[in-house]
Amino acid sequence: MLFKVADDWKQNLPPEDEVRMNNIIKRVAKHRNAFRASKDVKVAQLWCALLEMEKNQENTSKDMRKLRMIIEGFADVIKRVESEDKKLIESLEKF
């Protein structure tokens, strides 16, 4: 070949995506012993990346459930206060 091809394909990604990709690769590296023991290292490495993405999605879902519970709690408090205010106004109108 006349041209040397850069092996770091990540450099062709937008900068913020390259940072994300490097973070994914670091997380997948934790499973190095597992995927290196495979006959098809590349496929096993992809499965490990999928595992890390699944863990990330699960953590995000847990956080969303917690936020939803907090918001629902606030909504219940607001409804209760509005109901009490309405009763107070009705009582004052009768007075």
N, C-alpha and C. Protein backbone atom coordinates (compact mmCIF):
# COMPACT_ATOMS: atom_id res chain seq x y z
N MET A 1 0.84 -1.18 0.00
CA MET A 1 0.00 0.00 0.00
C MET A 1 0.89 1.25 0.00
N LEU A 2 0.38 2.27 -0.64
CA LEU A 2 1.11 3.52 -0.69
C LEU A 2 0.89 4.39 0.53
N PHE A 3 -0.29 4.22 1.15
CA PHE A 3 -0.64 5.06 2.29
C PHE A 3 -0.69 4.22 3.55
N LYS A 4 -0.17 4.79 4.62
CA LYS A 4 -0.24 4.11 5.90
C LYS A 4 -1.62 4.38 6.51
N VAL A 5 -2.31 3.32 6.88
CA VAL A 5 -3.64 3.44 7.46
C VAL A 5 -3.51 3.50 8.97
N ALA A 6 -4.08 4.54 9.55
CA ALA A 6 -4.03 4.68 11.01
C ALA A 6 -4.90 3.61 11.64
N ASP A 7 -4.37 2.93 12.62
CA ASP A 7 -5.11 1.85 13.27
C ASP A 7 -6.04 2.39 14.35
N ASP A 8 -5.87 3.64 14.75
CA ASP A 8 -6.72 4.20 15.79
C ASP A 8 -7.97 4.81 15.15
N TRP A 9 -8.91 3.96 14.82
CA TRP A 9 -10.15 4.37 14.15
C TRP A 9 -10.97 5.30 15.01
N LYS A 10 -10.76 5.28 16.32
CA LYS A 10 -11.54 6.13 17.23
C LYS A 10 -11.28 7.61 16.98
N GLN A 11 -10.13 7.93 16.41
CA GLN A 11 -9.81 9.33 16.13
C GLN A 11 -10.74 9.92 15.08
N ASN A 12 -11.41 9.07 14.34
CA ASN A 12 -12.36 9.54 13.32
C ASN A 12 -13.74 9.84 13.90
N LEU A 13 -13.92 9.53 15.15
CA LEU A 13 -15.19 9.84 15.82
C LEU A 13 -15.19 11.30 16.26
N PRO A 14 -16.38 11.87 16.44
CA PRO A 14 -16.42 13.20 17.06
C PRO A 14 -15.77 13.12 18.45
N PRO A 15 -15.14 14.20 18.90
CA PRO A 15 -14.38 14.15 20.17
C PRO A 15 -15.17 13.61 21.36
N GLU A 16 -16.43 14.03 21.50
CA GLU A 16 -17.21 13.56 22.65
C GLU A 16 -17.50 12.06 22.54
N ASP A 17 -17.67 11.55 21.31
CA ASP A 17 -17.90 10.12 21.12
C ASP A 17 -16.63 9.32 21.35
N GLU A 18 -15.49 9.90 21.00
CA GLU A 18 -14.22 9.22 21.25
C GLU A 18 -14.00 9.05 22.75
N VAL A 19 -14.36 10.06 23.52
CA VAL A 19 -14.24 9.97 24.98
C VAL A 19 -15.15 8.87 25.51
N ARG A 20 -16.38 8.85 25.01
CA ARG A 20 -17.32 7.80 25.44
C ARG A 20 -16.79 6.42 25.07
N MET A 21 -16.29 6.28 23.85
CA MET A 21 -15.78 4.99 23.40
C MET A 21 -14.61 4.54 24.29
N ASN A 22 -13.73 5.45 24.63
CA ASN A 22 -12.61 5.10 25.50
C ASN A 22 -13.09 4.66 26.88
N ASN A 23 -14.14 5.30 27.38
CA ASN A 23 -14.71 4.89 28.67
C ASN A 23 -15.30 3.49 28.60
N ILE A 24 -15.98 3.19 27.50
CA ILE A 24 -16.55 1.85 27.31
C ILE A 24 -15.42 0.83 27.27
N ILE A 25 -14.38 1.13 26.51
CA ILE A 25 -13.26 0.20 26.38
C ILE A 25 -12.60 -0.06 27.74
N LYS A 26 -12.49 0.98 28.56
CA LYS A 26 -11.92 0.81 29.90
C LYS A 26 -12.80 -0.11 30.75
N ARG A 27 -14.12 0.07 30.65
CA ARG A 27 -15.03 -0.78 31.43
C ARG A 27 -14.97 -2.23 30.94
N VAL A 28 -14.87 -2.41 29.65
CA VAL A 28 -14.81 -3.76 29.08
C VAL A 28 -13.50 -4.44 29.46
N ALA A 29 -12.44 -3.67 29.63
CA ALA A 29 -11.13 -4.23 29.97
C ALA A 29 -11.17 -5.00 31.29
N LYS A 30 -12.16 -4.69 32.14
CA LYS A 30 -12.29 -5.43 33.41
C LYS A 30 -12.55 -6.91 33.15
N HIS A 31 -13.09 -7.22 31.98
CA HIS A 31 -13.44 -8.60 31.64
C HIS A 31 -12.38 -9.27 30.77
N ARG A 32 -11.19 -8.68 30.74
CA ARG A 32 -10.12 -9.14 29.85
C ARG A 32 -9.84 -10.64 30.01
N ASN A 33 -9.76 -11.11 31.24
CA ASN A 33 -9.47 -12.53 31.46
C ASN A 33 -10.55 -13.42 30.84
N ALA A 34 -11.79 -12.98 30.89
CA ALA A 34 -12.88 -13.78 30.33
C ALA A 34 -12.82 -13.81 28.81
N PHE A 35 -12.73 -12.66 28.15
CA PHE A 35 -12.78 -12.70 26.69
C PHE A 35 -11.50 -13.22 26.05
N ARG A 36 -10.38 -13.10 26.75
CA ARG A 36 -9.14 -13.66 26.20
C ARG A 36 -9.13 -15.19 26.25
N ALA A 37 -9.96 -15.76 27.11
CA ALA A 37 -10.04 -17.21 27.21
C ALA A 37 -10.93 -17.81 26.12
N SER A 38 -11.58 -16.96 25.34
CA SER A 38 -12.48 -17.42 24.29
C SER A 38 -11.72 -17.80 23.03
N LYS A 39 -12.33 -18.69 22.23
CA LYS A 39 -11.75 -19.03 20.94
C LYS A 39 -11.88 -17.85 19.98
N ASP A 40 -12.96 -17.10 20.12
CA ASP A 40 -13.19 -15.93 19.28
C ASP A 40 -13.18 -14.69 20.17
N VAL A 41 -11.99 -14.15 20.40
CA VAL A 41 -11.79 -13.06 21.35
C VAL A 41 -12.63 -11.83 20.99
N LYS A 42 -12.69 -11.49 19.72
CA LYS A 42 -13.40 -10.29 19.30
C LYS A 42 -14.90 -10.38 19.62
N VAL A 43 -15.48 -11.52 19.35
CA VAL A 43 -16.91 -11.69 19.63
C VAL A 43 -17.15 -11.67 21.14
N ALA A 44 -16.30 -12.34 21.89
CA ALA A 44 -16.44 -12.35 23.35
C ALA A 44 -16.27 -10.94 23.91
N GLN A 45 -15.36 -10.17 23.31
CA GLN A 45 -15.15 -8.79 23.76
C GLN A 45 -16.40 -7.95 23.50
N LEU A 46 -17.04 -8.17 22.36
CA LEU A 46 -18.29 -7.46 22.07
C LEU A 46 -19.39 -7.85 23.06
N TRP A 47 -19.45 -9.13 23.42
CA TRP A 47 -20.45 -9.54 24.41
C TRP A 47 -20.17 -8.89 25.76
N CYS A 48 -18.91 -8.75 26.10
CA CYS A 48 -18.56 -8.07 27.36
C CYS A 48 -18.95 -6.60 27.28
N ALA A 49 -18.79 -5.98 26.12
CA ALA A 49 -19.22 -4.59 25.95
C ALA A 49 -20.73 -4.50 26.10
N LEU A 50 -21.45 -5.45 25.55
CA LEU A 50 -22.90 -5.48 25.69
C LEU A 50 -23.29 -5.64 27.16
N LEU A 51 -22.58 -6.48 27.87
CA LEU A 51 -22.83 -6.66 29.30
C LEU A 51 -22.65 -5.35 30.05
N GLU A 52 -21.59 -4.62 29.75
CA GLU A 52 -21.36 -3.33 30.41
C GLU A 52 -22.46 -2.32 30.07
N MET A 53 -22.91 -2.31 28.84
CA MET A 53 -23.99 -1.40 28.45
C MET A 53 -25.30 -1.77 29.17
N GLU A 54 -25.53 -3.06 29.32
CA GLU A 54 -26.72 -3.54 30.04
C GLU A 54 -26.67 -3.10 31.50
N LYS A 55 -25.51 -3.22 32.13
CA LYS A 55 -25.36 -2.78 33.52
C LYS A 55 -25.61 -1.28 33.64
N ASN A 56 -25.10 -0.53 32.69
CA ASN A 56 -25.29 0.91 32.69
C ASN A 56 -26.77 1.25 32.54
N GLN A 57 -27.45 0.56 31.65
CA GLN A 57 -28.88 0.80 31.43
C GLN A 57 -29.68 0.43 32.68
N GLU A 58 -29.30 -0.64 33.33
CA GLU A 58 -29.99 -1.07 34.55
C GLU A 58 -29.81 -0.03 35.67
N ASN A 59 -28.61 0.50 35.81
CA ASN A 59 -28.37 1.54 36.81
C ASN A 59 -29.18 2.80 36.51
N THR A 60 -29.26 3.15 35.24
CA THR A 60 -30.05 4.31 34.84
C THR A 60 -31.53 4.08 35.15
N SER A 61 -32.01 2.88 34.89
CA SER A 61 -33.41 2.56 35.18
C SER A 61 -33.70 2.65 36.68
N LYS A 62 -32.77 2.17 37.49
CA LYS A 62 -32.93 2.25 38.95
C LYS A 62 -33.01 3.71 39.39
N ASP A 63 -32.12 4.53 38.84
CA ASP A 63 -32.13 5.95 39.18
C ASP A 63 -33.45 6.60 38.76
N MET A 64 -33.95 6.24 37.59
CA MET A 64 -35.21 6.80 37.10
C MET A 64 -36.37 6.39 38.02
N ARG A 65 -36.38 5.13 38.47
CA ARG A 65 -37.43 4.69 39.39
C ARG A 65 -37.39 5.48 40.69
N LYS A 66 -36.18 5.72 41.21
CA LYS A 66 -36.05 6.51 42.43
C LYS A 66 -36.57 7.92 42.22
N LEU A 67 -36.21 8.54 41.10
CA LEU A 67 -36.69 9.89 40.81
C LEU A 67 -38.21 9.90 40.66
N ARG A 68 -38.75 8.89 40.01
CA ARG A 68 -40.20 8.81 39.83
C ARG A 68 -40.90 8.72 41.18
N MET A 69 -40.33 7.93 42.10
CA MET A 69 -40.92 7.82 43.44
C MET A 69 -40.88 9.15 44.17
N ILE A 70 -39.77 9.86 44.04
CA ILE A 70 -39.65 11.16 44.69
C ILE A 70 -40.67 12.14 44.12
N ILE A 71 -40.78 12.18 42.80
CA ILE A 71 -41.73 13.09 42.15
C ILE A 71 -43.16 12.73 42.53
N GLU A 72 -43.47 11.44 42.55
CA GLU A 72 -44.82 11.02 42.94
C GLU A 72 -45.10 11.42 44.39
N GLY A 73 -44.09 11.33 45.26
CA GLY A 73 -44.25 11.75 46.65
C GLY A 73 -44.56 13.23 46.74
N PHE A 74 -43.83 14.05 45.96
CA PHE A 74 -44.10 15.48 45.93
C PHE A 74 -45.50 15.76 45.40
N ALA A 75 -45.90 15.01 44.37
CA ALA A 75 -47.23 15.21 43.79
C ALA A 75 -48.31 14.90 44.82
N ASP A 76 -48.11 13.84 45.60
CA ASP A 76 -49.08 13.49 46.64
C ASP A 76 -49.18 14.60 47.69
N VAL A 77 -48.04 15.14 48.09
CA VAL A 77 -48.02 16.22 49.08
C VAL A 77 -48.75 17.44 48.52
N ILE A 78 -48.48 17.77 47.27
CA ILE A 78 -49.14 18.93 46.65
C ILE A 78 -50.65 18.72 46.58
N LYS A 79 -51.08 17.52 46.20
CA LYS A 79 -52.52 17.23 46.14
C LYS A 79 -53.15 17.37 47.52
N ARG A 80 -52.47 16.85 48.54
CA ARG A 80 -53.00 16.92 49.90
C ARG A 80 -53.11 18.37 50.36
N VAL A 81 -52.08 19.18 50.09
CA VAL A 81 -52.09 20.59 50.49
C VAL A 81 -53.20 21.32 49.74
N GLU A 82 -53.34 21.06 48.44
CA GLU A 82 -54.40 21.71 47.66
C GLU A 82 -55.78 21.31 48.18
N SER A 83 -55.94 20.05 48.57
CA SER A 83 -57.21 19.59 49.11
C SER A 83 -57.51 20.29 50.44
N GLU A 84 -56.49 20.41 51.29
CA GLU A 84 -56.66 21.09 52.56
C GLU A 84 -56.97 22.57 52.34
N ASP A 85 -56.30 23.19 51.38
CA ASP A 85 -56.57 24.60 51.06
C ASP A 85 -58.01 24.78 50.57
N LYS A 86 -58.45 23.85 49.73
CA LYS A 86 -59.80 23.93 49.19
C LYS A 86 -60.83 23.81 50.33
N LYS A 87 -60.60 22.88 51.25
CA LYS A 87 -61.50 22.71 52.39
C LYS A 87 -61.51 23.97 53.25
N LEU A 88 -60.35 24.57 53.45
CA LEU A 88 -60.25 25.78 54.25
C LEU A 88 -61.01 26.93 53.59
N ILE A 89 -60.86 27.06 52.27
CA ILE A 89 -61.57 28.13 51.54
C ILE A 89 -63.07 27.90 51.61
N GLU A 90 -63.51 26.66 51.42
CA GLU A 90 -64.94 26.36 51.52
C GLU A 90 -65.47 26.68 52.92
N SER A 91 -64.67 26.35 53.93
CA SER A 91 -65.08 26.62 55.32
C SER A 91 -65.19 28.12 55.55
N LEU A 92 -64.22 28.87 55.01
CA LEU A 92 -64.25 30.33 55.17
C LEU A 92 -65.43 30.95 54.42
N GLU A 93 -65.77 30.40 53.27
CA GLU A 93 -66.91 30.92 52.50
C GLU A 93 -68.21 30.69 53.23
N LYS A 94 -68.34 29.58 53.94
CA LYS A 94 -69.55 29.30 54.71
C LYS A 94 -69.63 30.20 55.92
N PHE A 95 -68.51 30.58 56.44
CA PHE A 95 -68.47 31.41 57.62
C PHE A 95 -68.94 32.79 57.26
